[in-house]
Amino acid sequence: MTYEFNERTMRRGTLSYKWDQGQTLFGDDEVLPLWVADMDFKCSPAIIQAVTERAAQGIYGYTIRSKDYLNAITGWFQRRHGWNVDESWLTDSPGVVPSLSLAVQSLTEPGDEIILQSPVYNPFYDVIQRNGRKLAESPLLLKNGRYEMDYEKLETLMSGGAKLLLLCSPQNPGGRVWTKEELVRLGDLCVKYDVKVIADEIHCDLVFPGHQHFPFASLSEQFAERTITCLAPSKTFNMPGLSTSFTVISNPRLKRRFDERIHALSIGSVNFFGPPATIAAYNESEPWLDALLTYVAANQEFAISYLSNHLPALVPVRSEGTYLLWLDCRALGLDSKQLKQLMYKEAKIAFNEGSIYGREGEGFLRINLACPRDLLVEALDRFTAAVNARNK
């Protein structure tokens, strides 16, 4: 089957978080949004059909999770990632970010130090600091255009008493897909210093050819025993609005503590559309995903070539996974406020400004590549024109 990713779908006026906040967030309704990580592609035909048939029932009542739903999840991770997940390890949640926060609450106490590796997905900071925990940063090292972990810094923080590590795998915004060797080295440190791990692996299916995602908890029993893995079909299949997410926790003691937080807040019920959409995603939409990855990889190649030809002073960090491109704009000599002025007011585009991902993100921009090619071209043209106008 051929999938049409070049189709430009009108999303303004649809209560879109991405498209209907131009005035509120950027001061201009005409700002072209390539920021928040949802795609400007329609879902796979199988998901659209499943949601349409579900809506046609006309009664949107409380919903249970079925055996087919659980089998779809476990089957996908066995088939796609070689990870044998038992259905008893699964807990439903409203989203990966709520899962991160609940995991922090269940595995640590106020005042405990929690490690993150910056630049990193900005809610990582919130789930640490807003829960009264202390931030322990181990900045990633940018070497030859590719991020690496700083194992010496990680060991210093762990030996100094940090209780927990938030792992972003694949890494957002830098696009690294961690190798097995990198993850094992990290896991060995966690075992040595008895550090628990919350693994945000929401981008696990969005990996380009030549790279492979390894679920952290799948690499050894010792790693699994100390890990809560947070997952969802939402990024993979562009269905975040269905609030369908789950955790994988094989350690009964950790799972009991996490589930107690879920029950205390009464947020464990599944979305009415979630199970049928998830079944359609994992059982019927793999060809759509493979076609999507080919298209997004081509968008990345186009963007890198475009920037090389038009703005050679700016340096893209090539993504190995995710549909995000991390762009080093430090050569422009602009601070975060000036970068926002350049984007929102002068170029009338919205990429993500890098400082929200930590100090190491200052001077960078994050570009969402999951859009029709002509939309990407328009955004890059606007950005280039604005940069060149400044340099005249």
Protein backbone atom coordinates (compact mmCIF):
# COMPACT_ATOMS: atom_id res chain seq x y z
CA MET A 1 0.00 0.00 0.00
CA THR A 2 1.16 3.54 -0.76
CA TYR A 3 0.80 6.14 2.00
CA GLU A 4 0.50 9.84 1.20
CA PHE A 5 2.77 11.81 3.51
CA ASN A 6 2.94 14.79 1.16
CA GLU A 7 -0.72 15.63 1.81
CA ARG A 8 -1.05 18.91 3.69
CA THR A 9 -3.98 18.66 6.09
CA MET A 10 -5.55 21.84 7.45
CA ARG A 11 -5.22 21.67 11.23
CA ARG A 12 -5.95 25.27 12.18
CA GLY A 13 -9.37 25.58 13.74
CA THR A 14 -9.38 21.96 14.98
CA LEU A 15 -8.48 22.71 18.63
CA SER A 16 -4.93 21.71 17.76
CA TYR A 17 -2.39 22.26 20.53
CA LYS A 18 0.23 22.72 17.82
CA TRP A 19 -1.62 24.88 15.29
CA ASP A 20 -4.20 26.88 17.26
CA GLN A 21 -1.97 28.70 19.74
CA GLY A 22 0.01 30.96 17.43
CA GLN A 23 -1.27 34.18 18.97
CA THR A 24 -1.17 32.87 22.54
CA LEU A 25 2.32 31.39 22.45
CA PHE A 26 4.12 33.31 19.72
CA GLY A 27 2.16 36.54 19.31
CA ASP A 28 1.09 35.82 15.73
CA ASP A 29 -1.51 33.46 14.26
CA GLU A 30 0.54 33.20 11.06
CA VAL A 31 3.52 31.59 12.74
CA LEU A 32 4.27 28.23 11.06
CA PRO A 33 4.54 25.62 13.84
CA LEU A 34 7.25 22.96 13.65
CA TRP A 35 7.73 22.65 17.37
CA VAL A 36 5.75 20.27 19.61
CA ALA A 37 6.32 16.60 18.81
CA ASP A 38 3.19 15.56 17.03
CA MET A 39 3.14 14.82 13.31
CA ASP A 40 1.33 16.64 10.54
CA PHE A 41 0.42 13.28 8.98
CA LYS A 42 -2.86 11.43 9.19
CA CYS A 43 -2.78 8.22 11.19
CA SER A 44 -2.61 4.88 9.43
CA PRO A 45 -5.84 3.79 7.67
CA ALA A 46 -6.23 0.96 10.18
CA ILE A 47 -6.21 3.35 13.16
CA ILE A 48 -8.62 5.76 11.48
CA GLN A 49 -11.00 2.89 10.75
CA ALA A 50 -10.78 1.54 14.31
CA VAL A 51 -11.48 4.95 15.86
CA THR A 52 -14.30 5.67 13.38
CA GLU A 53 -16.00 2.35 14.13
CA ARG A 54 -15.58 2.93 17.85
CA ALA A 55 -17.10 6.42 17.60
CA ALA A 56 -20.05 5.06 15.62
CA GLN A 57 -21.16 3.06 18.67
CA GLY A 58 -22.58 6.30 20.03
CA ILE A 59 -22.09 5.50 23.72
CA TYR A 60 -18.72 6.47 25.10
CA GLY A 61 -18.73 4.70 28.43
CA TYR A 62 -16.12 3.35 30.81
CA THR A 63 -13.78 0.97 29.05
CA ILE A 64 -11.82 -2.13 30.00
CA ARG A 65 -8.62 -3.43 28.48
CA SER A 66 -9.04 -6.66 26.59
CA LYS A 67 -6.83 -9.67 26.04
CA ASP A 68 -6.42 -8.54 22.42
CA TYR A 69 -5.13 -5.18 23.65
CA LEU A 70 -2.54 -6.79 25.92
CA ASN A 71 -1.50 -9.23 23.21
CA ALA A 72 -1.07 -6.38 20.73
CA ILE A 73 1.38 -4.67 23.09
CA THR A 74 3.39 -7.74 24.04
CA GLY A 75 3.40 -9.00 20.45
CA TRP A 76 4.72 -5.69 19.14
CA PHE A 77 7.66 -5.51 21.56
CA GLN A 78 8.59 -9.13 20.96
CA ARG A 79 8.39 -8.74 17.18
CA ARG A 80 9.85 -5.25 16.81
CA HIS A 81 12.39 -5.22 19.65
CA GLY A 82 13.00 -8.82 20.67
CA TRP A 83 11.69 -8.06 24.18
CA ASN A 84 9.50 -10.68 25.84
CA VAL A 85 7.12 -8.62 27.97
CA ASP A 86 4.71 -10.44 30.25
CA GLU A 87 1.25 -8.88 30.32
CA SER A 88 1.37 -8.88 34.14
CA TRP A 89 4.14 -6.26 33.92
CA LEU A 90 1.86 -3.72 32.21
CA THR A 91 0.12 -0.79 33.91
CA ASP A 92 -1.98 1.71 31.96
CA SER A 93 -1.53 5.44 32.47
CA PRO A 94 -2.81 8.66 30.84
CA GLY A 95 0.57 9.46 29.31
CA VAL A 96 4.32 9.04 29.53
CA VAL A 97 4.93 12.33 31.36
CA PRO A 98 2.40 11.47 34.12
CA SER A 99 4.12 8.07 34.33
CA LEU A 100 7.49 9.77 34.80
CA SER A 101 6.10 11.87 37.64
CA LEU A 102 4.38 8.92 39.31
CA ALA A 103 7.55 6.85 39.02
CA VAL A 104 9.59 9.62 40.64
CA GLN A 105 7.07 9.72 43.50
CA SER A 106 7.05 5.96 43.96
CA LEU A 107 10.83 5.38 43.81
CA THR A 108 12.20 8.37 45.73
CA GLU A 109 11.56 10.68 48.68
CA PRO A 110 11.49 14.50 48.74
CA GLY A 111 15.04 15.81 48.75
CA ASP A 112 16.53 12.83 46.92
CA GLU A 113 18.87 13.55 44.03
CA ILE A 114 17.78 12.41 40.57
CA ILE A 115 20.10 12.29 37.58
CA LEU A 116 19.25 13.52 34.10
CA GLN A 117 21.49 13.92 31.08
CA SER A 118 21.05 17.31 29.45
CA PRO A 119 20.06 18.62 26.99
CA VAL A 120 16.95 16.56 27.51
CA TYR A 121 13.17 16.60 27.13
CA ASN A 122 12.05 19.53 29.27
CA PRO A 123 9.38 17.74 31.40
CA PHE A 124 12.25 15.77 32.97
CA TYR A 125 13.10 18.92 34.91
CA ASP A 126 9.49 19.39 35.99
CA VAL A 127 8.95 15.86 37.30
CA ILE A 128 12.08 16.20 39.43
CA GLN A 129 11.77 19.72 40.77
CA ARG A 130 7.98 19.99 41.07
CA ASN A 131 8.00 16.79 43.12
CA GLY A 132 10.46 18.30 45.59
CA ARG A 133 13.46 16.27 44.43
CA LYS A 134 16.91 17.63 43.66
CA LEU A 135 18.33 17.90 40.17
CA ALA A 136 21.65 16.14 39.50
CA GLU A 137 22.80 16.98 35.96
CA SER A 138 25.23 14.91 33.95
CA PRO A 139 25.52 16.86 30.68
CA LEU A 140 25.94 14.86 27.51
CA LEU A 141 29.15 15.38 25.58
CA LEU A 142 28.84 16.58 21.99
CA LYS A 143 31.73 15.00 20.11
CA ASN A 144 32.10 15.08 16.34
CA GLY A 145 28.43 15.96 15.91
CA ARG A 146 27.16 13.12 18.13
CA TYR A 147 26.18 13.03 21.79
CA GLU A 148 27.88 10.66 24.23
CA MET A 149 27.28 9.90 27.89
CA ASP A 150 29.75 11.24 30.46
CA TYR A 151 30.30 8.08 32.47
CA GLU A 152 32.79 9.71 34.85
CA LYS A 153 30.27 12.38 35.80
CA LEU A 154 27.52 9.77 36.10
CA GLU A 155 29.63 7.70 38.48
CA THR A 156 30.47 10.76 40.55
CA LEU A 157 26.77 11.57 40.97
CA MET A 158 25.84 7.97 41.75
CA SER A 159 28.64 7.47 44.27
CA GLY A 160 27.62 10.79 45.81
CA GLY A 161 24.17 9.49 46.67
CA ALA A 162 21.86 10.02 43.70
CA LYS A 163 18.98 7.57 44.02
CA LEU A 164 17.48 7.56 40.54
CA LEU A 165 18.34 8.12 36.87
CA LEU A 166 15.93 9.41 34.23
CA LEU A 167 16.99 7.84 30.94
CA CYS A 168 15.78 9.27 27.63
CA SER A 169 16.16 6.52 25.02
CA PRO A 170 16.16 7.33 22.13
CA GLN A 171 17.40 10.72 23.23
CA ASN A 172 15.28 13.83 22.79
CA PRO A 173 16.28 16.40 21.50
CA GLY A 174 19.67 15.14 20.32
CA GLY A 175 18.37 12.13 18.39
CA ARG A 176 20.87 9.59 19.75
CA VAL A 177 19.89 5.93 19.64
CA TRP A 178 22.04 4.48 22.40
CA THR A 179 24.04 1.38 21.49
CA LYS A 180 23.83 -1.82 23.49
CA GLU A 181 27.36 -1.25 24.76
CA GLU A 182 26.53 2.27 25.98
CA LEU A 183 23.44 1.10 27.81
CA VAL A 184 25.20 -1.86 29.42
CA ARG A 185 27.96 0.40 30.68
CA LEU A 186 25.31 2.72 32.14
CA GLY A 187 23.38 -0.17 33.64
CA ASP A 188 26.46 -1.62 35.28
CA LEU A 189 26.98 1.68 37.08
CA CYS A 190 23.36 1.67 38.23
CA VAL A 191 23.76 -1.85 39.63
CA LYS A 192 27.04 -0.97 41.32
CA TYR A 193 25.55 2.03 43.14
CA ASP A 194 21.99 0.67 43.52
CA VAL A 195 20.45 3.42 41.38
CA LYS A 196 16.92 2.91 40.05
CA VAL A 197 16.08 3.83 36.45
CA ILE A 198 13.04 5.40 34.84
CA ALA A 199 13.41 4.80 31.10
CA ASP A 200 11.40 7.07 28.81
CA GLU A 201 11.37 5.02 25.61
CA ILE A 202 8.42 6.67 23.87
CA HIS A 203 10.47 7.18 20.67
CA CYS A 204 11.66 3.56 20.61
CA ASP A 205 9.98 2.73 17.28
CA LEU A 206 11.24 5.85 15.50
CA VAL A 207 14.71 4.63 14.61
CA PHE A 208 16.42 5.07 11.24
CA PRO A 209 18.18 2.32 9.27
CA GLY A 210 21.64 1.47 10.55
CA HIS A 211 20.58 1.88 14.19
CA GLN A 212 18.72 -0.31 16.67
CA HIS A 213 16.83 0.52 19.82
CA PHE A 214 17.56 -1.72 22.80
CA PRO A 215 14.99 -1.56 25.62
CA PHE A 216 17.12 -0.91 28.70
CA ALA A 217 15.20 -3.41 30.83
CA SER A 218 15.65 -6.14 28.23
CA LEU A 219 19.45 -6.16 28.51
CA SER A 220 19.75 -8.03 31.81
CA GLU A 221 17.67 -9.28 34.71
CA GLN A 222 19.57 -6.96 37.03
CA PHE A 223 18.66 -3.95 34.89
CA ALA A 224 15.01 -5.02 34.66
CA GLU A 225 14.74 -5.42 38.44
CA ARG A 226 15.51 -1.72 38.97
CA THR A 227 13.67 -0.20 36.00
CA ILE A 228 10.30 1.36 35.20
CA THR A 229 9.93 1.68 31.43
CA CYS A 230 7.46 4.27 30.13
CA LEU A 231 5.95 3.63 26.70
CA ALA A 232 3.09 4.57 24.40
CA PRO A 233 1.99 4.15 20.79
CA SER A 234 1.35 7.90 20.64
CA LYS A 235 4.62 9.16 19.12
CA THR A 236 5.01 6.18 16.80
CA PHE A 237 1.52 6.37 15.32
CA ASN A 238 0.60 10.03 15.92
CA MET A 239 -2.23 9.48 18.40
CA PRO A 240 -1.21 11.44 21.54
CA GLY A 241 -4.73 12.88 21.86
CA LEU A 242 -6.04 9.43 22.75
CA SER A 243 -4.12 9.50 26.06
CA THR A 244 -2.99 5.90 25.76
CA SER A 245 0.18 4.92 27.57
CA PHE A 246 1.59 2.14 29.71
CA THR A 247 4.55 1.19 31.86
CA VAL A 248 6.50 -2.07 31.92
CA ILE A 249 7.70 -3.09 35.39
CA SER A 250 8.87 -6.68 35.95
CA ASN A 251 9.88 -6.20 39.60
CA PRO A 252 6.71 -6.94 41.65
CA ARG A 253 7.80 -4.67 44.49
CA LEU A 254 8.42 -1.68 42.21
CA LYS A 255 5.23 -2.36 40.30
CA ARG A 256 3.19 -2.48 43.49
CA ARG A 257 4.57 0.89 44.57
CA PHE A 258 3.88 2.43 41.17
CA ASP A 259 0.38 0.94 40.95
CA GLU A 260 -0.44 2.31 44.40
CA ARG A 261 0.20 5.83 43.10
CA ILE A 262 -2.01 5.14 40.07
CA HIS A 263 -4.83 3.90 42.31
CA ALA A 264 -4.42 6.74 44.82
CA LEU A 265 -5.05 9.24 42.01
CA SER A 266 -7.70 7.10 40.28
CA ILE A 267 -6.09 7.55 36.87
CA GLY A 268 -5.70 3.93 35.79
CA SER A 269 -8.74 3.64 33.53
CA VAL A 270 -8.19 3.43 29.78
CA ASN A 271 -9.42 5.93 27.21
CA PHE A 272 -12.54 4.80 25.33
CA PHE A 273 -10.68 4.90 22.00
CA GLY A 274 -7.34 3.68 23.34
CA PRO A 275 -7.55 -0.13 23.16
CA PRO A 276 -8.98 -0.41 19.61
CA ALA A 277 -6.56 2.25 18.33
CA THR A 278 -3.62 0.51 20.00
CA ILE A 279 -4.64 -2.87 18.57
CA ALA A 280 -4.92 -1.35 15.08
CA ALA A 281 -1.56 0.37 15.52
CA TYR A 282 0.46 -2.58 16.73
CA ASN A 283 -1.28 -5.31 14.72
CA GLU A 284 -2.02 -3.60 11.41
CA SER A 285 0.09 -0.46 11.00
CA GLU A 286 3.67 -1.69 10.78
CA PRO A 287 3.88 -1.07 6.99
CA TRP A 288 2.67 2.51 7.58
CA LEU A 289 5.42 3.01 10.17
CA ASP A 290 8.11 1.69 7.86
CA ALA A 291 6.94 4.06 5.12
CA LEU A 292 6.85 6.93 7.61
CA LEU A 293 10.44 6.31 8.69
CA THR A 294 11.57 6.38 5.06
CA TYR A 295 9.79 9.70 4.51
CA VAL A 296 11.10 11.34 7.69
CA ALA A 297 14.64 10.14 6.98
CA ALA A 298 14.37 11.79 3.55
CA ASN A 299 13.11 14.98 5.22
CA GLN A 300 16.17 14.94 7.45
CA GLU A 301 18.51 14.52 4.49
CA PHE A 302 16.75 17.37 2.71
CA ALA A 303 16.96 19.66 5.76
CA ILE A 304 20.64 18.94 6.35
CA SER A 305 21.46 19.57 2.68
CA TYR A 306 19.35 22.73 2.64
CA LEU A 307 21.04 24.13 5.73
CA SER A 308 24.48 23.25 4.40
CA ASN A 309 23.77 25.17 1.20
CA HIS A 310 21.93 28.16 2.65
CA LEU A 311 23.11 28.55 6.26
CA PRO A 312 26.46 26.74 6.42
CA ALA A 313 27.42 28.34 9.75
CA LEU A 314 24.61 26.40 11.45
CA VAL A 315 25.39 22.79 12.30
CA PRO A 316 22.70 20.08 12.39
CA VAL A 317 23.15 17.18 14.83
CA ARG A 318 22.12 14.23 12.67
CA SER A 319 19.32 12.24 14.31
CA GLU A 320 19.63 8.47 14.56
CA GLY A 321 16.06 8.27 15.78
CA THR A 322 12.98 10.40 16.61
CA TYR A 323 11.56 12.77 13.97
CA LEU A 324 13.40 15.76 15.44
CA LEU A 325 16.44 17.65 14.16
CA TRP A 326 18.68 19.41 16.68
CA LEU A 327 20.32 22.45 15.13
CA ASP A 328 23.36 24.23 16.56
CA CYS A 329 22.77 27.95 15.95
CA ARG A 330 25.45 29.27 18.29
CA ALA A 331 27.29 30.81 15.34
CA LEU A 332 24.50 33.40 15.16
CA GLY A 333 25.62 34.79 18.52
CA LEU A 334 22.03 35.12 19.79
CA ASP A 335 20.71 34.42 23.28
CA SER A 336 17.42 32.61 23.87
CA LYS A 337 15.35 35.81 23.80
CA GLN A 338 16.94 36.90 20.53
CA LEU A 339 16.43 33.45 18.97
CA LYS A 340 12.74 33.67 19.81
CA GLN A 341 12.58 37.13 18.26
CA LEU A 342 14.24 35.76 15.13
CA MET A 343 11.80 32.87 14.86
CA TYR A 344 8.46 34.25 15.96
CA LYS A 345 8.64 37.88 14.81
CA GLU A 346 11.07 37.91 11.91
CA ALA A 347 10.77 34.46 10.31
CA LYS A 348 7.23 33.74 11.55
CA ILE A 349 8.09 30.13 12.29
CA ALA A 350 8.16 28.20 15.55
CA PHE A 351 10.89 25.68 16.24
CA ASN A 352 11.64 24.78 19.87
CA GLU A 353 14.18 27.13 21.46
CA GLY A 354 16.95 25.01 22.95
CA SER A 355 17.39 26.45 26.44
CA ILE A 356 14.17 24.75 27.57
CA TYR A 357 16.13 21.49 27.43
CA GLY A 358 18.76 22.74 29.86
CA ARG A 359 21.80 25.03 29.80
CA GLU A 360 23.50 22.77 27.28
CA GLY A 361 20.67 23.53 24.85
CA GLU A 362 21.29 27.29 24.75
CA GLY A 363 21.89 28.44 21.20
CA PHE A 364 20.21 25.39 19.66
CA LEU A 365 16.83 24.90 17.99
CA ARG A 366 14.73 21.72 17.69
CA ILE A 367 12.91 21.24 14.38
CA ASN A 368 10.00 18.82 13.94
CA LEU A 369 10.60 16.98 10.66
CA ALA A 370 7.32 15.00 10.73
CA CYS A 371 5.51 17.16 8.20
CA PRO A 372 4.90 17.28 4.45
CA ARG A 373 8.03 18.28 2.55
CA ASP A 374 6.55 21.53 1.23
CA LEU A 375 5.78 22.63 4.79
CA LEU A 376 9.38 21.95 5.80
CA VAL A 377 10.63 23.87 2.77
CA GLU A 378 8.43 26.84 3.64
CA ALA A 379 9.70 26.90 7.23
CA LEU A 380 13.35 26.67 6.19
CA ASP A 381 12.86 29.36 3.54
CA ARG A 382 11.33 31.71 6.11
CA PHE A 383 14.09 31.00 8.61
CA THR A 384 16.85 31.51 6.04
CA ALA A 385 15.37 34.79 4.84
CA ALA A 386 15.16 36.10 8.40
CA VAL A 387 18.77 35.11 9.20
CA ASN A 388 20.04 36.69 5.99
CA ALA A 389 18.06 39.88 6.63
CA ARG A 390 19.78 40.20 10.01
CA ASN A 391 23.20 39.75 8.46
CA LYS A 392 22.81 42.44 5.79
